[in-house]
Amino acid sequence: MIDWLNDPLLQGMDPLKIELIKTAAAQVDGKSSKSLPPILMSLIMSANRKGIRFSSEEMTLILSILKQGKSEQEQKQIDKTVDMVSSMMTKYQK
């Protein structure tokens, strides 16, 4: 889980964003993909409350972090979950 801390996208990233990502990564470490939806929603909502928005590149990084150590099937489930959450967030922001 630690190798993602060296990702070039983190260079210059808002420290609050990095802390939110670390928290989400720690929450999913060793858990099944079924636990992802509430963790991902919590990350997004926590960021929103602080006025923080993640770019698409940052979201890609977050997802790759959350997928680390997961089986191919779990990674597919994560992708489905992300699609669902994205759809819900689009409706929520309208």
Protein backbone atom coordinates (compact mmCIF):
# COMPACT_ATOMS: atom_id res chain seq x y z
CA MET A 1 0.00 0.00 0.00
CA ILE A 2 2.89 2.37 0.63
CA ASP A 3 4.28 2.47 -2.95
CA TRP A 4 1.43 4.72 -4.11
CA LEU A 5 2.84 7.47 -1.89
CA ASN A 6 5.60 7.90 -4.49
CA ASP A 7 3.18 8.50 -7.36
CA PRO A 8 4.07 11.69 -9.28
CA LEU A 9 0.45 12.84 -9.04
CA LEU A 10 0.96 13.36 -5.33
CA GLN A 11 3.73 15.87 -5.91
CA GLY A 12 2.23 19.27 -5.23
CA MET A 13 -1.18 17.83 -4.30
CA ASP A 14 -3.07 19.54 -1.51
CA PRO A 15 -2.01 17.88 1.78
CA LEU A 16 -5.69 17.64 2.80
CA LYS A 17 -6.38 15.55 -0.30
CA ILE A 18 -3.45 13.29 0.50
CA GLU A 19 -4.72 12.77 4.04
CA LEU A 20 -8.19 11.90 2.75
CA ILE A 21 -6.66 9.40 0.32
CA LYS A 22 -4.53 7.86 3.07
CA THR A 23 -7.61 7.48 5.27
CA ALA A 24 -9.60 5.78 2.50
CA ALA A 25 -6.67 3.50 1.63
CA ALA A 26 -6.30 2.45 5.26
CA GLN A 27 -10.04 1.76 5.52
CA VAL A 28 -10.09 -0.60 2.52
CA ASP A 29 -6.80 -2.35 3.23
CA GLY A 30 -7.54 -6.06 3.66
CA LYS A 31 -11.28 -5.65 3.10
CA SER A 32 -13.43 -6.98 0.30
CA SER A 33 -14.66 -4.83 -2.55
CA LYS A 34 -18.13 -4.95 -1.00
CA SER A 35 -16.95 -2.54 1.69
CA LEU A 36 -15.91 0.02 -0.93
CA PRO A 37 -19.16 1.95 -1.55
CA PRO A 38 -19.52 3.46 1.91
CA ILE A 39 -15.79 4.20 2.09
CA LEU A 40 -15.75 5.88 -1.32
CA MET A 41 -18.89 7.87 -0.52
CA SER A 42 -17.37 8.92 2.80
CA LEU A 43 -14.20 10.09 1.03
CA ILE A 44 -16.17 12.13 -1.50
CA MET A 45 -18.55 13.60 1.07
CA SER A 46 -15.73 14.46 3.46
CA ALA A 47 -13.87 16.19 0.65
CA ASN A 48 -17.02 18.06 -0.42
CA ARG A 49 -17.60 19.33 3.13
CA LYS A 50 -14.08 20.75 3.08
CA GLY A 51 -14.58 22.31 -0.35
CA ILE A 52 -12.20 19.83 -1.95
CA ARG A 53 -12.78 18.44 -5.43
CA PHE A 54 -10.69 15.64 -6.92
CA SER A 55 -9.62 15.85 -10.56
CA SER A 56 -10.19 12.88 -12.85
CA GLU A 57 -6.46 12.07 -12.62
CA GLU A 58 -6.65 12.12 -8.82
CA MET A 59 -9.73 9.87 -8.87
CA THR A 60 -7.87 7.44 -11.14
CA LEU A 61 -5.03 7.36 -8.63
CA ILE A 62 -7.45 6.80 -5.74
CA LEU A 63 -9.09 3.91 -7.56
CA SER A 64 -5.77 2.29 -8.36
CA ILE A 65 -4.88 2.55 -4.66
CA LEU A 66 -8.18 0.99 -3.63
CA LYS A 67 -7.68 -1.85 -6.13
CA GLN A 68 -4.23 -2.82 -4.85
CA GLY A 69 -4.13 -6.39 -3.60
CA LYS A 70 -7.62 -7.18 -4.89
CA SER A 71 -8.49 -10.05 -7.21
CA GLU A 72 -9.51 -9.35 -10.80
CA GLN A 73 -13.13 -10.06 -9.87
CA GLU A 74 -12.96 -7.61 -6.95
CA GLN A 75 -11.38 -4.99 -9.21
CA LYS A 76 -14.29 -5.37 -11.64
CA GLN A 77 -16.70 -4.99 -8.72
CA ILE A 78 -14.88 -1.81 -7.70
CA ASP A 79 -15.27 -0.46 -11.25
CA LYS A 80 -19.02 -1.22 -11.14
CA THR A 81 -19.27 0.47 -7.76
CA VAL A 82 -17.46 3.53 -9.05
CA ASP A 83 -19.87 3.76 -11.97
CA MET A 84 -22.78 3.56 -9.53
CA VAL A 85 -21.29 6.17 -7.19
CA SER A 86 -20.50 8.47 -10.11
CA SER A 87 -24.08 8.24 -11.29
CA MET A 88 -25.36 8.98 -7.80
CA MET A 89 -22.99 11.92 -7.36
CA THR A 90 -24.09 13.40 -10.68
CA LYS A 91 -27.69 13.30 -9.50
CA TYR A 92 -26.71 14.61 -6.05
CA GLN A 93 -24.88 17.63 -7.50
CA LYS A 94 -27.83 18.71 -9.67
